[in-house]
C-alpha cells in the first residue's frame, strides 16, 4: 500500500491542478477545438496518474490517443502540469 504522505501529496496536487484558473483560460482559448471534437472540457484530453514514490516527478501526464491535439494545447497543458507535478 502507498505511503499516506505520498498519496496525500498527490491528492493535494490533483486538487490544485483541477482548480487552477489557467484551465479556464485554456477552455476559452481552445473552445472551437473542443466543440469540433465534442469534448466537454479540457480535462477530457488527458489523464494524470500517480508517479512512483520517491521520484522528482510525482505524476504522469497521459494524453488520450484518440485525439490529434494541437501542439500549442499540449504545451499549455504541460506547462500547468509541470507547475504542480515536477519538483
Protein backbone atom coordinates (compact mmCIF):
# COMPACT_ATOMS: atom_id res chain seq x y z
CA UNK A 1 0.00 0.00 0.00
CA UNK A 2 1.20 3.54 -0.79
CA UNK A 3 2.67 5.72 1.92
CA UNK A 4 -0.16 8.00 3.07
CA UNK A 5 2.06 11.13 2.97
CA UNK A 6 2.90 10.44 -0.70
CA UNK A 7 -0.74 9.80 -1.53
CA UNK A 8 -1.74 12.94 0.33
CA UNK A 9 0.78 14.98 -1.65
CA UNK A 10 -0.54 13.54 -4.91
CA UNK A 11 -4.13 14.28 -3.89
CA UNK A 12 -3.22 17.84 -2.90
CA UNK A 13 -1.50 18.36 -6.23
CA UNK A 14 -4.51 16.96 -8.10
CA UNK A 15 -6.86 19.26 -6.19
CA UNK A 16 -4.64 22.22 -7.00
CA UNK A 17 -4.31 21.48 -10.71
CA UNK A 18 -8.04 20.86 -11.16
CA UNK A 19 -8.85 24.24 -9.63
CA UNK A 20 -6.10 26.17 -11.42
CA UNK A 21 -7.68 29.22 -13.11
CA UNK A 22 -5.36 28.83 -16.11
CA UNK A 23 -7.52 25.93 -17.27
CA UNK A 24 -10.50 28.28 -17.60
CA UNK A 25 -8.38 30.45 -19.88
CA UNK A 26 -7.40 27.38 -21.93
CA UNK A 27 -11.06 26.31 -22.17
CA UNK A 28 -11.87 29.66 -23.82
CA UNK A 29 -8.75 29.67 -25.98
CA UNK A 30 -9.42 26.18 -27.39
CA UNK A 31 -13.23 26.22 -27.24
CA UNK A 32 -13.64 25.81 -31.01
CA UNK A 33 -11.33 22.76 -31.00
CA UNK A 34 -13.16 21.21 -28.05
CA UNK A 35 -16.53 21.82 -29.69
CA UNK A 36 -15.35 20.41 -33.02
CA UNK A 37 -14.30 17.15 -31.36
CA UNK A 38 -17.27 17.04 -28.98
CA UNK A 39 -15.07 17.29 -25.89
CA UNK A 40 -16.97 18.68 -22.91
CA UNK A 41 -13.98 20.11 -21.05
CA UNK A 42 -10.25 20.42 -21.39
CA UNK A 43 -9.72 17.67 -18.80
CA UNK A 44 -11.14 15.27 -21.39
CA UNK A 45 -7.93 15.25 -23.43
CA UNK A 46 -5.57 13.93 -20.74
CA UNK A 47 -5.25 11.98 -17.50
CA UNK A 48 -2.77 12.25 -14.65
CA UNK A 49 -1.59 9.07 -12.99
CA UNK A 50 0.34 8.93 -9.72
CA UNK A 51 4.09 8.58 -10.20
CA UNK A 52 6.28 6.12 -8.30
CA UNK A 53 7.22 7.04 -4.73
CA UNK A 54 10.48 8.93 -4.29
CA UNK A 55 10.61 10.30 -7.83
CA UNK A 56 11.03 14.00 -8.63
CA UNK A 57 8.00 13.77 -10.92
CA UNK A 58 5.03 12.85 -8.74
CA UNK A 59 2.54 12.38 -11.56
CA UNK A 60 2.48 11.19 -15.15
CA UNK A 61 0.63 13.13 -17.85
CA UNK A 62 -1.13 10.76 -20.26
CA UNK A 63 -2.70 12.06 -23.48
CA UNK A 64 -5.83 10.42 -24.83
CA UNK A 65 -4.62 8.87 -28.06
CA UNK A 66 -7.92 9.23 -29.92
CA UNK A 67 -7.37 12.99 -30.19
CA UNK A 68 -4.99 14.70 -32.58
CA UNK A 69 -4.20 17.55 -30.22
CA UNK A 70 -2.76 20.86 -31.38
CA UNK A 71 0.86 21.29 -30.30
CA UNK A 72 0.08 24.60 -28.56
CA UNK A 73 -2.65 22.93 -26.50
CA UNK A 74 -0.22 20.21 -25.40
CA UNK A 75 2.40 22.82 -24.50
CA UNK A 76 -0.12 24.85 -22.47
CA UNK A 77 -1.36 21.81 -20.54
CA UNK A 78 2.20 20.54 -19.97
CA UNK A 79 3.21 23.92 -18.56
CA UNK A 80 0.40 23.79 -15.98
CA UNK A 81 1.13 20.11 -15.23
CA UNK A 82 4.81 20.88 -14.59
CA UNK A 83 3.87 23.62 -12.14
CA UNK A 84 2.20 21.05 -9.87
CA UNK A 85 3.84 17.69 -10.54
CA UNK A 86 7.53 18.32 -11.26
CA UNK A 87 9.61 19.17 -8.18
